[in-house]
C-alpha atoms as a PDB file:
ATOM      1  CA  MET A   1      78.374  46.030 318.518  1.00  0.00           C
ATOM      2  CA  THR A   2      75.830  43.900 320.920  1.00  0.00           C
ATOM      3  CA  ILE A   3      73.056  45.572 319.375  1.00  0.00           C
ATOM      4  CA  TRP A   4      73.948  44.332 316.076  1.00  0.00           C
ATOM      5  CA  ILE A   5      74.183  40.854 317.472  1.00  0.00           C
ATOM      6  CA  VAL A   6      70.725  41.311 318.943  1.00  0.00           C
ATOM      7  CA  LEU A   7      69.010  42.761 315.593  1.00  0.00           C
ATOM      8  CA  SER A   8      70.716  39.660 314.082  1.00  0.00           C
ATOM      9  CA  TRP A   9      68.722  37.245 315.825  1.00  0.00           C
ATOM     10  CA  VAL A  10      66.053  39.054 315.803  1.00  0.00           C
ATOM     11  CA  PHE A  11      66.010  39.221 312.016  1.00  0.00           C
ATOM     12  CA  VAL A  12      66.952  35.469 311.843  1.00  0.00           C
ATOM     13  CA  LEU A  13      63.485  34.373 314.496  1.00  0.00           C
ATOM     14  CA  VAL A  14      61.325  36.899 311.931  1.00  0.00           C
ATOM     15  CA  LEU A  15      62.476  34.666 308.797  1.00  0.00           C
ATOM     16  CA  THR A  16      62.161  31.218 310.521  1.00  0.00           C
ATOM     17  CA  ALA A  17      58.606  32.364 311.622  1.00  0.00           C
ATOM     18  CA  ILE A  18      57.855  33.323 308.346  1.00  0.00           C
ATOM     19  CA  ASN A  19      59.643  30.170 306.932  1.00  0.00           C
ATOM     20  CA  VAL A  20      57.103  27.773 309.453  1.00  0.00           C
ATOM     21  CA  PHE A  21      54.322  29.841 308.113  1.00  0.00           C
ATOM     22  CA  ILE A  22      54.583  29.562 304.712  1.00  0.00           C
ATOM     23  CA  PHE A  23      55.767  25.733 305.347  1.00  0.00           C
ATOM     24  CA  LEU A  24      52.344  25.279 307.102  1.00  0.00           C
ATOM     25  CA  LYS A  25      50.428  27.000 304.342  1.00  0.00           C
ATOM     26  CA  LEU A  26      51.975  24.886 301.822  1.00  0.00           C
ATOM     27  CA  LYS A  27      51.080  21.601 303.609  1.00  0.00           C
ATOM     28  CA  ALA A  28      48.103  22.327 304.192  1.00  0.00           C
ATOM     29  CA  ALA A  29      47.501  22.942 300.105  1.00  0.00           C
ATOM     30  CA  SER A  30      49.305  19.758 299.176  1.00  0.00           C
ATOM     31  CA  GLU A  31      46.704  17.808 301.730  1.00  0.00           C
ATOM     32  CA  GLN A  32      43.926  19.419 300.217  1.00  0.00           C
ATOM     33  CA  MET A  33      45.028  18.609 296.857  1.00  0.00           C
ATOM     34  CA  MET A  34      45.384  14.932 297.937  1.00  0.00           C
ATOM     35  CA  GLN A  35      41.995  14.628 299.116  1.00  0.00           C
ATOM     36  CA  MET A  36      40.736  16.141 295.974  1.00  0.00           C
ATOM     37  CA  ALA A  37      42.427  13.631 293.889  1.00  0.00           C
ATOM     38  CA  PHE A  38      41.670  10.779 296.441  1.00  0.00           C
ATOM     39  CA  PRO A  39      38.266  12.011 297.750  1.00  0.00           C
ATOM     40  CA  GLY A  40      38.004   8.385 300.066  1.00  0.00           C
ATOM     41  CA  ALA A  41      41.140   8.697 301.693  1.00  0.00           C
ATOM     42  CA  LYS A  42      40.888   8.780 305.326  1.00  0.00           C
ATOM     43  CA  ASN A  43      44.513  10.556 305.881  1.00  0.00           C
ATOM     44  CA  MET A  44      47.523  11.457 303.581  1.00  0.00           C
ATOM     45  CA  ASN A  45      49.259   7.990 304.078  1.00  0.00           C
ATOM     46  CA  GLU A  46      46.314   6.244 302.340  1.00  0.00           C
ATOM     47  CA  ALA A  47      45.807   8.860 299.968  1.00  0.00           C
ATOM     48  CA  MET A  48      49.591   8.428 298.785  1.00  0.00           C
ATOM     49  CA  ALA A  49      49.460   4.355 299.370  1.00  0.00           C
ATOM     50  CA  ARG A  50      46.177   4.944 296.482  1.00  0.00           C
ATOM     51  CA  MET A  51      48.555   7.068 294.412  1.00  0.00           C
ATOM     52  CA  GLN A  52      51.331   4.631 294.628  1.00  0.00           C
ATOM     53  CA  ASN A  53      49.333   1.839 293.647  1.00  0.00           C
ATOM     54  CA  MET A  54      47.733   3.596 290.886  1.00  0.00           C
ATOM     55  CA  MET A  55      51.401   4.203 289.526  1.00  0.00           C
ATOM     56  CA  GLN A  56      52.493   0.832 289.754  1.00  0.00           C
ATOM     57  CA  GLY A  57      49.409  -0.230 287.926  1.00  0.00           C
ATOM     58  CA  MET A  58      50.607   1.792 285.230  1.00  0.00           C
ATOM     59  CA  ASN A  59      54.061   0.904 285.140  1.00  0.00           C
ATOM     60  CA  ARG A  60      52.806  -2.842 284.511  1.00  0.00           C
ATOM     61  CA  GLY A  61      52.941  -4.325 281.003  1.00  0.00           C
ATOM     62  CA  PRO A  62      55.433  -4.897 278.258  1.00  0.00           C
ATOM     63  CA  ARG A  63      57.002  -1.609 277.532  1.00  0.00           C
ATOM     64  CA  GLY A  64      57.503  -0.495 273.821  1.00  0.00           C
ATOM     65  CA  PRO A  65      58.628   2.733 272.521  1.00  0.00           C
ATOM     66  CA  GLY A  66      57.472   6.063 273.751  1.00  0.00           C
ATOM     67  CA  MET A  67      56.446   6.117 277.361  1.00  0.00           C
ATOM     68  CA  GLY A  68      54.228   2.844 277.572  1.00  0.00           C
ATOM     69  CA  GLY A  69      53.469  -0.318 275.653  1.00  0.00           C
ATOM     70  CA  GLY A  70      50.601  -0.408 273.426  1.00  0.00           C
ATOM     71  CA  GLY A  71      47.444  -0.665 275.463  1.00  0.00           C
ATOM     72  CA  ASN A  72      49.227   0.397 278.936  1.00  0.00           C
ATOM     73  CA  ARG A  73      49.203   4.169 277.504  1.00  0.00           C
ATOM     74  CA  ASP A  74      45.324   3.565 276.946  1.00  0.00           C
ATOM     75  CA  ALA A  75      45.360   2.636 280.741  1.00  0.00           C
ATOM     76  CA  GLN A  76      47.290   6.067 281.836  1.00  0.00           C
ATOM     77  CA  LEU A  77      45.289   8.228 279.737  1.00  0.00           C
ATOM     78  CA  ARG A  78      42.210   6.580 281.148  1.00  0.00           C
ATOM     79  CA  ALA A  79      43.537   7.042 284.891  1.00  0.00           C
ATOM     80  CA  ALA A  80      44.462  10.639 284.323  1.00  0.00           C
ATOM     81  CA  MET A  81      41.334  11.360 283.108  1.00  0.00           C
ATOM     82  CA  ASP A  82      39.205   9.781 285.855  1.00  0.00           C
ATOM     83  CA  MET A  83      41.632  11.688 288.126  1.00  0.00           C
ATOM     84  CA  LEU A  84      41.208  14.860 286.458  1.00  0.00           C
ATOM     85  CA  LYS A  85      37.061  14.583 286.862  1.00  0.00           C
ATOM     86  CA  ASN A  86      37.501  13.790 290.429  1.00  0.00           C
ATOM     87  CA  MET A  87      39.599  16.652 290.982  1.00  0.00           C
ATOM     88  CA  GLN A  88      37.122  18.861 289.104  1.00  0.00           C
ATOM     89  CA  LYS A  89      34.234  17.532 291.103  1.00  0.00           C
ATOM     90  CA  GLY A  90      36.030  18.187 294.294  1.00  0.00           C
ATOM     91  CA  ALA A  91      36.568  21.652 293.350  1.00  0.00           C
ATOM     92  CA  LYS A  92      32.916  22.583 292.463  1.00  0.00           C
ATOM     93  CA  ARG A  93      31.791  21.678 295.893  1.00  0.00           C
END
């Protein structure tokens, strides 16, 4: 009976190690994506603040039918295209 207890704890430890490894890889990938989207950001917090400011800027203005109001859609599209261009420039480096 004790061999099964030991084996189960070894199994738990192996799965925990795999989980931590995958988490660290995903964290590194998310930081890399934020760095590509906001190239001038010094750290993840600054990149997140820029993203939140950009999203707040998109949400301003009168709301009409659809996703946003009148000219607000054009501003959202321009901001999205600029972000895409910045990401493509970062990927080519």
